[in-house]
Amino acid sequence: MRPPANQSSEEDVTEAHAHYGAGVIHEMNEEPELALQEYYEAALKDPANESLVLTVSRRLLLANQLDKALELLTRAAARPGASGALYARLGVVYSRLGKSKLAVKADHTAIRKEPRLLAAYENLFGNLLQTKRKKQALALLDDAARVPGTDAEFLIGLAELYATYGVQVPTEKPIASARALAVLERAAKFPMIGPALRMKLADGFALLGKVDQAADIYRDMLKPPPEVPELRDNIRAKLANLYLRLHNQKLAAEQLEALVHDNPTDIEAYYWLGRIAYDEKRYDEAVDDFATTLLLKPDFGLGYYELARAQISASQIRQALETLKKAREKFDQNFALEYLSALACAHQKDYTNALSYFNAAEVFALARDTNALTDEFYFEFGATCERNGDYAQAEKCFEKCLQLSPDFAEALNYLGYMWAEHGEKLDRARQLIERALKADPKNAAYLDSMGWVLFRLHQTKQALDYILEAIRLSEEPDPALYDHLGDIFAALGQKDKAIEAWNKSLSLEPNDEVRKKIQSTTK
């Protein structure tokens, strides 16, 4: 750092050079405090050298040597022709010293001298907000927006100030966001903007919800990809995040895959690839991505639960239980740990342990976070209770599920069919199944449920139509459907058709009860 030509006396300049040189030597000897003192002395001797004054005052601010910074800046600002930048820096020092009136005065002077100096607006804006002068703060930004001849950097910085105002004054956020967007649109019209500013421009559009415009800028910045790996990866990460916000998982995955190709240790990219794969029901791929995430970051708690969930969905139940065992050893008890353990045990038909985990999860959530008790939780809890033969508790769980989500078709069908199977609450069961069918008219399981509840209500001919339609729409032959069909044909007195249907059911799955029906009918 060499001081430029100055307007001070030759003797002062000579002394300034001497102090500056001594500072450089201290710097080389890794003596930063001594170096800063020499630089300070140099700037005092040559206050007309604004570049030096601004550089040294910045270092004094960083070192929290506010009194020295104030002395240096007031001396430099007292000279005729002192720049707006000096007054802006002086405003910062006054603000740090708690002298808000002097800070505001210095900032106003800076703006008067250099209307296109963004730093002066930033300082004054901060002071106005800090002293609760919100209307004046917004008016200041509006004044800045009307300054002619501003460049892209000024406008993008001004947009950031508008965004800050919206956060600090939530009631004015819509107004602030609209004005921030307007100045960003002006900045976007400048033809030549460097990568750093383009990134800030895109970030600004993304923050204001204009994700398509932000994505366009990010994509353009990747043509061709920047040579600096950090910048390239940062752009791809931001673009992937935008695509996720747009629910465009295909394009998000493209960016994430490019990230892991160039940076195989990018933990966050693997995690989101796993989330995308899981949402698209590519469970084996999700397992691989989450496993890689944990390999790179073994203490990432959420990664264990995402991996276990994917393993359960991929029918890797033993592996899921092992993952949850490791998580139990590493982390405190939590809802996800108990809930996923319940799901894994339920898949193994270990209903006793599954119910124990469900109960633990519910108790934990009631004490810590009731939002965790979702419709999905009570649906799975209810299904496990039903499979364990506790129909009263299953009914309570399904009712809670439907309170949270009245149109949850699978829950409507499950509860309705459970009642129909046991000959209980048949009229309400029919109503629930009708609602499920309204949501999904071609669902074979729901059609079967409707057929079965009608059969229980002794509306056998109507029941036959629903069962036949369920069989027609089934992707694979279902033994339960043919069992129901046999029962309906038997009730209609069509024994041959009943026996044919039951035999079809037996060919798909051995069942002693169905075999007994055939034997009883053929006697």
Protein backbone atom coordinates (compact mmCIF):
# COMPACT_ATOMS: atom_id res chain seq x y z
CA MET A 1 0.00 0.00 0.00
CA ARG A 2 1.84 3.21 -1.22
CA PRO A 3 0.42 6.68 -0.66
CA PRO A 4 -0.34 8.51 -3.88
CA ALA A 5 0.65 12.10 -4.70
CA ASN A 6 -0.63 14.58 -2.11
CA GLN A 7 -1.14 18.26 -1.39
CA SER A 8 0.61 18.31 2.01
CA SER A 9 3.96 19.99 2.66
CA GLU A 10 7.06 18.27 1.41
CA GLU A 11 8.25 17.74 5.00
CA ASP A 12 4.93 16.14 6.03
CA VAL A 13 4.95 13.92 2.97
CA THR A 14 8.48 12.76 3.78
CA GLU A 15 7.50 11.89 7.34
CA ALA A 16 4.36 10.16 6.09
CA HIS A 17 6.47 8.00 3.79
CA ALA A 18 8.80 7.14 6.66
CA HIS A 19 5.90 6.04 8.89
CA TYR A 20 4.35 4.16 6.02
CA GLY A 21 7.60 2.30 5.33
CA ALA A 22 7.95 1.40 8.99
CA GLY A 23 4.40 0.07 8.89
CA VAL A 24 5.23 -2.15 5.92
CA ILE A 25 8.23 -3.60 7.80
CA HIS A 26 6.06 -4.35 10.86
CA GLU A 27 3.51 -5.94 8.54
CA MET A 28 6.19 -8.20 7.06
CA ASN A 29 7.31 -9.13 10.58
CA GLU A 30 3.74 -10.09 11.45
CA GLU A 31 3.32 -7.23 13.93
CA PRO A 32 -0.12 -5.90 12.91
CA GLU A 33 -0.66 -3.59 15.90
CA LEU A 34 2.67 -1.81 15.39
CA ALA A 35 2.01 -1.66 11.64
CA LEU A 36 -1.39 -0.04 12.17
CA GLN A 37 0.11 2.59 14.50
CA GLU A 38 2.68 3.55 11.84
CA TYR A 39 -0.01 3.71 9.14
CA TYR A 40 -2.08 5.91 11.44
CA GLU A 41 0.87 8.27 11.92
CA ALA A 42 1.43 8.35 8.16
CA ALA A 43 -2.20 9.30 7.50
CA LEU A 44 -2.10 12.02 10.16
CA LYS A 45 0.91 13.57 8.44
CA ASP A 46 -0.74 13.45 5.02
CA PRO A 47 -4.55 13.93 5.52
CA ALA A 48 -4.95 15.09 1.93
CA ASN A 49 -4.15 11.55 0.78
CA GLU A 50 -7.75 10.32 0.87
CA SER A 51 -6.94 6.85 -0.36
CA LEU A 52 -4.56 6.38 2.57
CA VAL A 53 -6.97 7.96 5.07
CA LEU A 54 -9.85 5.74 3.96
CA THR A 55 -7.70 2.59 4.05
CA VAL A 56 -6.25 3.31 7.49
CA SER A 57 -9.59 4.41 8.96
CA ARG A 58 -11.13 1.14 7.80
CA ARG A 59 -8.42 -0.82 9.59
CA LEU A 60 -8.87 1.31 12.72
CA LEU A 61 -12.59 0.56 12.64
CA LEU A 62 -11.89 -3.15 12.37
CA ALA A 63 -9.52 -2.85 15.33
CA ASN A 64 -12.20 -0.91 17.24
CA GLN A 65 -9.85 2.06 17.63
CA LEU A 66 -12.68 4.52 17.14
CA ASP A 67 -11.04 7.57 18.70
CA LYS A 68 -8.06 7.36 16.36
CA ALA A 69 -10.34 6.84 13.38
CA LEU A 70 -12.37 9.88 14.41
CA GLU A 71 -9.29 12.06 14.79
CA LEU A 72 -7.95 11.01 11.41
CA LEU A 73 -11.23 11.49 9.56
CA THR A 74 -12.18 14.83 11.12
CA ARG A 75 -8.75 16.20 10.22
CA ALA A 76 -9.09 14.96 6.60
CA ALA A 77 -12.71 16.12 6.27
CA ALA A 78 -11.79 19.63 7.45
CA ARG A 79 -9.70 20.19 4.32
CA PRO A 80 -11.33 22.05 1.43
CA GLY A 81 -12.66 19.70 -1.20
CA ALA A 82 -12.93 16.65 1.10
CA SER A 83 -14.85 13.92 -0.71
CA GLY A 84 -18.22 12.42 0.07
CA ALA A 85 -16.48 9.12 0.79
CA LEU A 86 -14.61 10.72 3.70
CA TYR A 87 -17.82 12.08 5.18
CA ALA A 88 -19.53 8.73 4.71
CA ARG A 89 -16.73 7.02 6.64
CA LEU A 90 -16.95 9.74 9.29
CA GLY A 91 -20.67 8.99 9.57
CA VAL A 92 -19.84 5.34 10.28
CA VAL A 93 -17.45 6.33 13.09
CA TYR A 94 -19.94 8.73 14.67
CA SER A 95 -22.59 6.02 14.51
CA ARG A 96 -20.27 3.49 16.18
CA LEU A 97 -19.58 6.06 18.92
CA GLY A 98 -23.32 6.53 19.50
CA LYS A 99 -23.31 10.10 18.19
CA SER A 100 -26.30 9.70 15.89
CA LYS A 101 -26.91 13.42 15.23
CA LEU A 102 -23.34 13.95 14.07
CA ALA A 103 -23.53 10.71 12.06
CA VAL A 104 -26.68 11.89 10.26
CA LYS A 105 -25.09 15.29 9.57
CA ALA A 106 -21.95 13.65 8.12
CA ASP A 107 -24.03 11.32 5.94
CA HIS A 108 -26.13 14.19 4.59
CA THR A 109 -22.92 16.01 3.70
CA ALA A 110 -21.62 12.90 1.94
CA ILE A 111 -24.81 12.62 -0.12
CA ARG A 112 -24.74 16.31 -1.01
CA LYS A 113 -21.15 16.00 -2.19
CA GLU A 114 -21.62 12.69 -4.01
CA PRO A 115 -25.31 11.88 -4.70
CA ARG A 116 -24.38 8.56 -6.30
CA LEU A 117 -22.36 7.30 -3.30
CA LEU A 118 -24.27 4.27 -2.05
CA ALA A 119 -22.25 3.98 1.19
CA ALA A 120 -23.60 7.35 2.35
CA TYR A 121 -27.20 6.19 1.84
CA GLU A 122 -26.45 2.93 3.63
CA ASN A 123 -25.05 4.76 6.67
CA LEU A 124 -27.84 7.29 6.86
CA PHE A 125 -30.51 4.65 6.29
CA GLY A 126 -29.11 2.58 9.16
CA ASN A 127 -29.07 5.59 11.48
CA LEU A 128 -32.65 6.54 10.63
CA LEU A 129 -33.92 3.04 11.26
CA GLN A 130 -31.95 2.75 14.49
CA THR A 131 -33.49 5.99 15.77
CA LYS A 132 -37.00 4.80 14.80
CA ARG A 133 -37.42 7.35 11.99
CA LYS A 134 -38.99 4.82 9.65
CA LYS A 135 -40.80 7.23 7.33
CA GLN A 136 -37.64 9.25 6.83
CA ALA A 137 -35.70 6.06 6.11
CA LEU A 138 -38.12 5.08 3.34
CA ALA A 139 -38.14 8.63 1.97
CA LEU A 140 -34.33 8.52 1.82
CA LEU A 141 -34.42 5.36 -0.30
CA ASP A 142 -36.99 6.94 -2.59
CA ASP A 143 -34.71 9.99 -2.98
CA ALA A 144 -31.83 7.66 -3.88
CA ALA A 145 -34.00 5.92 -6.48
CA ARG A 146 -34.57 9.29 -8.19
CA VAL A 147 -30.88 10.18 -8.46
CA PRO A 148 -29.95 10.34 -12.17
CA GLY A 149 -26.98 8.56 -13.66
CA THR A 150 -26.70 5.77 -11.11
CA ASP A 151 -25.14 2.48 -12.20
CA ALA A 152 -26.14 -1.16 -11.70
CA GLU A 153 -24.12 -1.52 -8.51
CA PHE A 154 -25.89 1.44 -6.91
CA LEU A 155 -29.34 0.15 -7.92
CA ILE A 156 -28.71 -3.40 -6.72
CA GLY A 157 -27.43 -2.07 -3.39
CA LEU A 158 -30.48 0.17 -3.14
CA ALA A 159 -32.75 -2.83 -3.74
CA GLU A 160 -31.05 -4.57 -0.82
CA LEU A 161 -31.80 -1.56 1.39
CA TYR A 162 -35.47 -1.65 0.36
CA ALA A 163 -35.54 -5.36 1.22
CA THR A 164 -34.00 -4.60 4.62
CA TYR A 165 -36.66 -1.96 5.22
CA GLY A 166 -39.36 -4.54 4.45
CA VAL A 167 -37.90 -6.89 7.06
CA GLN A 168 -37.52 -4.16 9.70
CA VAL A 169 -40.97 -2.67 9.04
CA PRO A 170 -43.18 -5.68 8.16
CA THR A 171 -46.31 -3.56 7.67
CA GLU A 172 -44.54 -1.76 4.82
CA LYS A 173 -43.06 -4.88 3.25
CA PRO A 174 -45.33 -4.96 0.15
CA ILE A 175 -44.41 -1.35 -0.67
CA ALA A 176 -40.71 -1.90 -0.03
CA SER A 177 -40.67 -5.10 -2.11
CA ALA A 178 -42.38 -3.40 -5.06
CA ARG A 179 -39.85 -0.56 -5.02
CA ALA A 180 -36.94 -2.96 -4.63
CA LEU A 181 -38.19 -4.89 -7.65
CA ALA A 182 -38.49 -1.68 -9.68
CA VAL A 183 -34.84 -0.71 -9.10
CA LEU A 184 -33.70 -4.28 -9.81
CA GLU A 185 -35.53 -4.15 -13.12
CA ARG A 186 -33.58 -0.96 -13.92
CA ALA A 187 -30.30 -2.62 -12.94
CA ALA A 188 -31.06 -5.61 -15.16
CA LYS A 189 -31.12 -3.31 -18.22
CA PHE A 190 -27.41 -2.53 -17.93
CA PRO A 191 -25.68 -4.60 -20.64
CA MET A 192 -22.31 -5.22 -18.99
CA ILE A 193 -22.47 -6.38 -15.38
CA GLY A 194 -19.68 -8.40 -13.75
CA PRO A 195 -20.26 -11.87 -12.26
CA ALA A 196 -20.45 -10.66 -8.65
CA LEU A 197 -23.11 -8.07 -9.46
CA ARG A 198 -25.05 -10.47 -11.69
CA MET A 199 -25.11 -12.91 -8.80
CA LYS A 200 -26.45 -10.21 -6.47
CA LEU A 201 -29.02 -9.22 -9.09
CA ALA A 202 -30.24 -12.81 -9.37
CA ASP A 203 -30.25 -13.19 -5.59
CA GLY A 204 -32.36 -10.07 -5.33
CA PHE A 205 -34.94 -11.35 -7.83
CA ALA A 206 -35.05 -14.69 -5.97
CA LEU A 207 -35.56 -12.96 -2.61
CA LEU A 208 -38.46 -10.98 -4.04
CA GLY A 209 -40.14 -14.10 -5.42
CA LYS A 210 -39.22 -13.53 -9.07
CA VAL A 211 -37.69 -16.97 -9.34
CA ASP A 212 -38.02 -17.25 -13.12
CA GLN A 213 -36.00 -14.07 -13.65
CA ALA A 214 -33.43 -15.22 -11.11
CA ALA A 215 -33.16 -18.62 -12.79
CA ASP A 216 -32.62 -16.99 -16.19
CA ILE A 217 -29.65 -15.04 -14.82
CA TYR A 218 -28.13 -18.04 -13.08
CA ARG A 219 -28.51 -20.16 -16.23
CA ASP A 220 -26.90 -17.45 -18.33
CA MET A 221 -23.97 -17.32 -15.91
CA LEU A 222 -23.35 -21.01 -16.59
CA LYS A 223 -22.86 -20.41 -20.34
CA PRO A 224 -20.07 -21.41 -20.37
CA PRO A 225 -19.52 -22.53 -16.77
CA PRO A 226 -17.22 -20.15 -14.83
CA GLU A 227 -13.63 -21.31 -14.52
CA VAL A 228 -13.66 -20.61 -10.77
CA PRO A 229 -15.04 -23.83 -9.19
CA GLU A 230 -16.44 -22.05 -6.12
CA LEU A 231 -18.44 -19.59 -8.23
CA ARG A 232 -19.67 -22.32 -10.57
CA ASP A 233 -20.80 -24.53 -7.68
CA ASN A 234 -22.46 -21.60 -5.93
CA ILE A 235 -24.47 -20.75 -9.04
CA ARG A 236 -25.55 -24.36 -9.50
CA ALA A 237 -26.58 -24.62 -5.85
CA LYS A 238 -28.68 -21.45 -6.10
CA LEU A 239 -30.23 -22.62 -9.35
CA ALA A 240 -31.05 -26.01 -7.85
CA ASN A 241 -32.68 -24.27 -4.89
CA LEU A 242 -34.80 -22.15 -7.23
CA TYR A 243 -35.95 -25.19 -9.20
CA LEU A 244 -36.90 -26.87 -5.94
CA ARG A 245 -38.98 -23.81 -5.04
CA LEU A 246 -40.64 -24.08 -8.46
CA HIS A 247 -41.25 -27.81 -7.80
CA ASN A 248 -39.28 -28.62 -10.94
CA GLN A 249 -37.41 -31.59 -9.56
CA LYS A 250 -36.06 -32.70 -12.92
CA LEU A 251 -34.13 -29.47 -13.51
CA ALA A 252 -33.10 -29.29 -9.85
CA ALA A 253 -31.67 -32.80 -10.10
CA GLU A 254 -29.68 -31.84 -13.21
CA GLN A 255 -27.92 -29.07 -11.31
CA LEU A 256 -27.38 -31.23 -8.23
CA GLU A 257 -25.92 -34.04 -10.31
CA ALA A 258 -23.56 -31.58 -11.96
CA LEU A 259 -22.54 -30.42 -8.49
CA VAL A 260 -21.65 -33.90 -7.24
CA HIS A 261 -19.91 -34.70 -10.52
CA ASP A 262 -17.55 -31.76 -10.04
CA ASN A 263 -17.49 -31.93 -6.25
CA PRO A 264 -18.06 -35.50 -4.99
CA THR A 265 -18.01 -34.32 -1.36
CA ASP A 266 -20.93 -31.89 -1.65
CA ILE A 267 -23.08 -33.10 1.26
CA GLU A 268 -26.05 -30.84 0.61
CA ALA A 269 -26.28 -31.88 -3.05
CA TYR A 270 -26.43 -35.58 -2.13
CA TYR A 271 -29.07 -34.84 0.50
CA TRP A 272 -31.35 -33.03 -1.95
CA LEU A 273 -30.82 -35.66 -4.62
CA GLY A 274 -32.02 -38.15 -2.04
CA ARG A 275 -35.08 -36.05 -1.28
CA ILE A 276 -35.93 -35.78 -4.97
CA ALA A 277 -35.46 -39.50 -5.55
CA TYR A 278 -37.67 -40.27 -2.55
CA ASP A 279 -40.45 -37.93 -3.73
CA GLU A 280 -40.33 -39.63 -7.14
CA LYS A 281 -40.51 -43.06 -5.44
CA ARG A 282 -37.05 -44.06 -6.63
CA TYR A 283 -36.38 -45.44 -3.19
CA ASP A 284 -33.21 -47.43 -3.94
CA GLU A 285 -31.56 -44.29 -5.37
CA ALA A 286 -32.74 -42.29 -2.36
CA VAL A 287 -31.11 -44.86 -0.07
CA ASP A 288 -27.80 -44.51 -1.94
CA ASP A 289 -27.88 -40.70 -1.82
CA PHE A 290 -28.73 -40.51 1.88
CA ALA A 291 -26.12 -43.17 2.68
CA THR A 292 -23.52 -41.06 0.87
CA THR A 293 -24.66 -38.00 2.83
CA LEU A 294 -24.01 -39.83 6.10
CA LEU A 295 -20.71 -41.20 4.86
CA LEU A 296 -19.58 -37.61 4.31
CA LYS A 297 -21.19 -36.27 7.50
CA PRO A 298 -21.68 -39.03 10.11
CA ASP A 299 -23.19 -36.68 12.71
CA PHE A 300 -25.97 -35.37 10.44
CA GLY A 301 -29.03 -36.37 12.46
CA LEU A 302 -31.66 -35.64 9.81
CA GLY A 303 -29.70 -37.81 7.38
CA TYR A 304 -30.29 -40.90 9.53
CA TYR A 305 -34.03 -40.39 9.57
CA GLU A 306 -34.24 -39.69 5.85
CA LEU A 307 -32.16 -42.79 5.16
CA ALA A 308 -34.34 -44.94 7.42
CA ARG A 309 -37.51 -43.63 5.77
CA ALA A 310 -36.11 -44.43 2.32
CA GLN A 311 -35.01 -47.89 3.46
CA ILE A 312 -38.50 -48.62 4.80
CA SER A 313 -40.06 -47.52 1.52
CA ALA A 314 -37.55 -49.69 -0.36
CA SER A 315 -38.55 -52.66 1.84
CA GLN A 316 -35.07 -52.72 3.37
CA ILE A 317 -36.52 -53.13 6.84
CA ARG A 318 -33.53 -54.81 8.49
CA GLN A 319 -31.24 -52.05 7.21
CA ALA A 320 -33.71 -49.39 8.38
CA LEU A 321 -33.74 -50.81 11.90
CA GLU A 322 -29.95 -50.86 11.91
CA THR A 323 -29.87 -47.20 10.79
CA LEU A 324 -32.31 -46.28 13.56
CA LYS A 325 -30.26 -48.22 16.09
CA LYS A 326 -27.20 -46.13 15.19
CA ALA A 327 -29.26 -42.95 15.45
CA ARG A 328 -30.56 -44.02 18.88
CA GLU A 329 -26.96 -44.45 20.05
CA LYS A 330 -25.92 -41.02 18.73
CA PHE A 331 -28.88 -38.75 19.45
CA ASP A 332 -31.47 -38.05 22.14
CA GLN A 333 -34.96 -39.45 21.88
CA ASN A 334 -37.09 -37.60 19.35
CA PHE A 335 -40.31 -37.98 17.44
CA ALA A 336 -38.76 -39.04 14.12
CA LEU A 337 -36.74 -41.80 15.80
CA GLU A 338 -39.78 -43.31 17.54
CA TYR A 339 -42.13 -42.88 14.57
CA LEU A 340 -39.80 -44.44 12.02
CA SER A 341 -39.05 -47.31 14.43
CA ALA A 342 -42.81 -47.87 14.62
CA LEU A 343 -43.13 -47.96 10.83
CA ALA A 344 -40.21 -50.38 10.48
CA CYS A 345 -41.63 -52.77 13.07
CA ALA A 346 -45.09 -52.55 11.51
CA HIS A 347 -43.61 -53.58 8.14
CA GLN A 348 -42.10 -56.61 9.87
CA LYS A 349 -45.55 -57.36 11.34
CA ASP A 350 -44.03 -56.86 14.78
CA TYR A 351 -47.13 -55.00 15.87
CA THR A 352 -46.45 -55.13 19.61
CA ASN A 353 -43.19 -53.21 19.32
CA ALA A 354 -44.62 -51.02 16.59
CA LEU A 355 -47.44 -49.88 18.88
CA SER A 356 -44.97 -49.25 21.69
CA TYR A 357 -43.00 -46.94 19.41
CA PHE A 358 -46.17 -45.23 18.13
CA ASN A 359 -47.23 -44.50 21.70
CA ALA A 360 -43.77 -43.17 22.56
CA ALA A 361 -43.81 -40.94 19.49
CA GLU A 362 -47.24 -39.55 20.39
CA VAL A 363 -46.24 -38.86 24.00
CA PHE A 364 -43.05 -37.14 22.85
CA ALA A 365 -44.90 -34.98 20.31
CA LEU A 366 -47.62 -34.00 22.79
CA ALA A 367 -44.92 -32.77 25.14
CA ARG A 368 -42.64 -31.09 22.57
CA ASP A 369 -44.30 -30.48 19.21
CA THR A 370 -47.93 -31.33 18.49
CA ASN A 371 -47.42 -30.31 14.85
CA ALA A 372 -45.62 -33.64 14.38
CA LEU A 373 -48.91 -35.47 14.96
CA THR A 374 -50.07 -35.30 11.36
CA ASP A 375 -52.82 -37.08 9.49
CA GLU A 376 -50.18 -39.47 8.15
CA PHE A 377 -49.03 -40.32 11.69
CA TYR A 378 -52.54 -41.21 12.87
CA PHE A 379 -53.26 -43.13 9.69
CA GLU A 380 -50.22 -45.37 10.18
CA PHE A 381 -50.97 -45.67 13.91
CA GLY A 382 -54.55 -46.66 13.14
CA ALA A 383 -53.57 -49.19 10.49
CA THR A 384 -51.17 -50.86 12.94
CA CYS A 385 -53.84 -51.00 15.66
CA GLU A 386 -56.26 -52.60 13.18
CA ARG A 387 -53.72 -55.21 12.12
CA ASN A 388 -53.06 -55.98 15.76
CA GLY A 389 -56.76 -56.52 16.37
CA ASP A 390 -57.36 -53.40 18.49
CA TYR A 391 -60.26 -52.05 16.45
CA ALA A 392 -61.45 -49.55 19.06
CA GLN A 393 -58.05 -47.85 19.18
CA ALA A 394 -57.77 -48.04 15.39
CA GLU A 395 -61.10 -46.23 15.11
CA LYS A 396 -59.86 -43.45 17.43
CA CYS A 397 -56.71 -43.01 15.37
CA PHE A 398 -58.56 -42.89 12.06
CA GLU A 399 -61.04 -40.38 13.51
CA LYS A 400 -58.11 -38.15 14.59
CA CYS A 401 -56.61 -38.54 11.12
CA LEU A 402 -59.86 -37.41 9.49
CA GLN A 403 -60.22 -34.49 11.90
CA LEU A 404 -56.87 -33.25 10.64
CA SER A 405 -57.57 -34.10 7.00
CA PRO A 406 -61.29 -34.70 6.28
CA ASP A 407 -60.65 -35.63 2.64
CA PHE A 408 -57.86 -38.16 3.29
CA ALA A 409 -59.24 -40.76 0.87
CA GLU A 410 -57.12 -43.69 2.06
CA ALA A 411 -58.19 -43.11 5.68
CA LEU A 412 -61.84 -42.74 4.66
CA ASN A 413 -61.65 -46.06 2.85
CA TYR A 414 -59.69 -47.88 5.58
CA LEU A 415 -62.09 -46.91 8.38
CA GLY A 416 -65.16 -47.55 6.22
CA TYR A 417 -63.91 -50.98 5.18
CA MET A 418 -62.96 -51.89 8.77
CA TRP A 419 -66.51 -51.14 9.90
CA ALA A 420 -67.96 -53.04 6.94
CA GLU A 421 -65.75 -56.05 7.62
CA HIS A 422 -67.07 -56.24 11.18
CA GLY A 423 -70.65 -55.33 10.32
CA GLU A 424 -70.53 -52.09 12.34
CA LYS A 425 -71.78 -48.56 11.58
CA LEU A 426 -72.59 -49.63 8.03
CA ASP A 427 -74.43 -46.48 6.99
CA ARG A 428 -71.53 -44.26 8.07
CA ALA A 429 -69.07 -46.72 6.55
CA ARG A 430 -70.84 -46.34 3.23
CA GLN A 431 -70.67 -42.53 3.51
CA LEU A 432 -66.93 -42.62 4.15
CA ILE A 433 -66.26 -44.95 1.22
CA GLU A 434 -68.43 -42.80 -1.06
CA ARG A 435 -66.23 -39.82 -0.18
CA ALA A 436 -63.11 -41.85 -0.92
CA LEU A 437 -64.54 -42.88 -4.30
CA LYS A 438 -65.44 -39.29 -5.09
CA ALA A 439 -61.76 -38.44 -4.71
CA ASP A 440 -60.59 -41.45 -6.75
CA PRO A 441 -63.45 -43.07 -8.73
CA LYS A 442 -61.26 -45.70 -10.41
CA ASN A 443 -59.47 -46.96 -7.33
CA ALA A 444 -59.98 -50.73 -7.23
CA ALA A 445 -59.57 -50.92 -3.43
CA TYR A 446 -62.24 -48.27 -2.89
CA LEU A 447 -64.60 -49.97 -5.35
CA ASP A 448 -64.10 -53.25 -3.51
CA SER A 449 -64.88 -51.52 -0.20
CA MET A 450 -68.08 -50.08 -1.63
CA GLY A 451 -69.07 -53.46 -2.97
CA TRP A 452 -68.41 -55.04 0.40
CA VAL A 453 -70.36 -52.47 2.46
CA LEU A 454 -73.31 -52.81 0.04
CA PHE A 455 -73.13 -56.58 0.46
CA ARG A 456 -73.25 -56.11 4.23
CA LEU A 457 -76.27 -53.84 3.75
CA HIS A 458 -77.94 -56.66 1.75
CA GLN A 459 -77.82 -54.66 -1.50
CA THR A 460 -76.26 -57.62 -3.26
CA LYS A 461 -76.93 -56.77 -6.91
CA GLN A 462 -75.41 -53.30 -6.51
CA ALA A 463 -72.50 -54.86 -4.67
CA LEU A 464 -71.81 -57.18 -7.63
CA ASP A 465 -71.36 -54.24 -10.02
CA TYR A 466 -68.75 -52.61 -7.78
CA ILE A 467 -66.79 -55.83 -7.25
CA LEU A 468 -66.71 -56.62 -10.97
CA GLU A 469 -65.51 -53.08 -11.71
CA ALA A 470 -62.83 -53.42 -9.01
CA ILE A 471 -61.60 -56.65 -10.62
CA ARG A 472 -61.54 -55.00 -14.04
CA LEU A 473 -59.47 -52.07 -12.81
CA SER A 474 -57.05 -54.04 -10.63
CA GLU A 475 -53.49 -53.96 -11.90
CA GLU A 476 -52.92 -57.52 -10.64
CA PRO A 477 -55.39 -60.29 -9.69
CA ASP A 478 -56.33 -59.89 -6.01
CA PRO A 479 -57.41 -62.96 -3.97
CA ALA A 480 -59.58 -60.83 -1.65
CA LEU A 481 -61.56 -59.49 -4.58
CA TYR A 482 -62.35 -62.97 -5.89
CA ASP A 483 -63.26 -64.09 -2.36
CA HIS A 484 -65.76 -61.22 -2.14
CA LEU A 485 -67.06 -62.03 -5.61
CA GLY A 486 -67.68 -65.62 -4.56
CA ASP A 487 -69.60 -64.50 -1.47
CA ILE A 488 -71.81 -62.23 -3.60
CA PHE A 489 -72.52 -64.93 -6.21
CA ALA A 490 -73.37 -67.33 -3.40
CA ALA A 491 -75.83 -64.82 -1.91
CA LEU A 492 -77.40 -64.44 -5.35
CA GLY A 493 -77.83 -68.22 -5.55
CA GLN A 494 -75.28 -68.61 -8.38
CA LYS A 495 -73.28 -71.44 -6.82
CA ASP A 496 -71.21 -72.36 -9.87
CA LYS A 497 -70.00 -68.81 -10.31
CA ALA A 498 -69.34 -68.57 -6.58
CA ILE A 499 -67.17 -71.73 -6.61
CA GLU A 500 -65.32 -70.49 -9.71
CA ALA A 501 -64.54 -67.18 -8.00
CA TRP A 502 -63.37 -68.88 -4.78
CA ASN A 503 -61.16 -71.26 -6.72
CA LYS A 504 -59.61 -68.27 -8.46
CA SER A 505 -58.95 -66.73 -5.05
CA LEU A 506 -57.30 -69.96 -3.82
CA SER A 507 -55.11 -70.13 -6.92
CA LEU A 508 -53.76 -66.73 -6.03
CA GLU A 509 -53.34 -67.32 -2.29
CA PRO A 510 -54.06 -70.37 -0.09
CA ASN A 511 -56.80 -69.65 2.44
CA ASP A 512 -58.52 -72.16 4.72
CA GLU A 513 -61.63 -70.00 5.12
CA VAL A 514 -62.14 -69.83 1.36
CA ARG A 515 -61.57 -73.58 1.08
CA LYS A 516 -64.26 -74.19 3.70
CA LYS A 517 -66.71 -72.05 1.69
CA ILE A 518 -66.15 -74.24 -1.38
CA GLN A 519 -66.60 -77.43 0.62
CA SER A 520 -69.77 -76.13 2.26
CA THR A 521 -71.26 -75.06 -1.08
CA THR A 522 -70.51 -78.34 -2.89
CA LYS A 523 -72.16 -80.57 -0.25
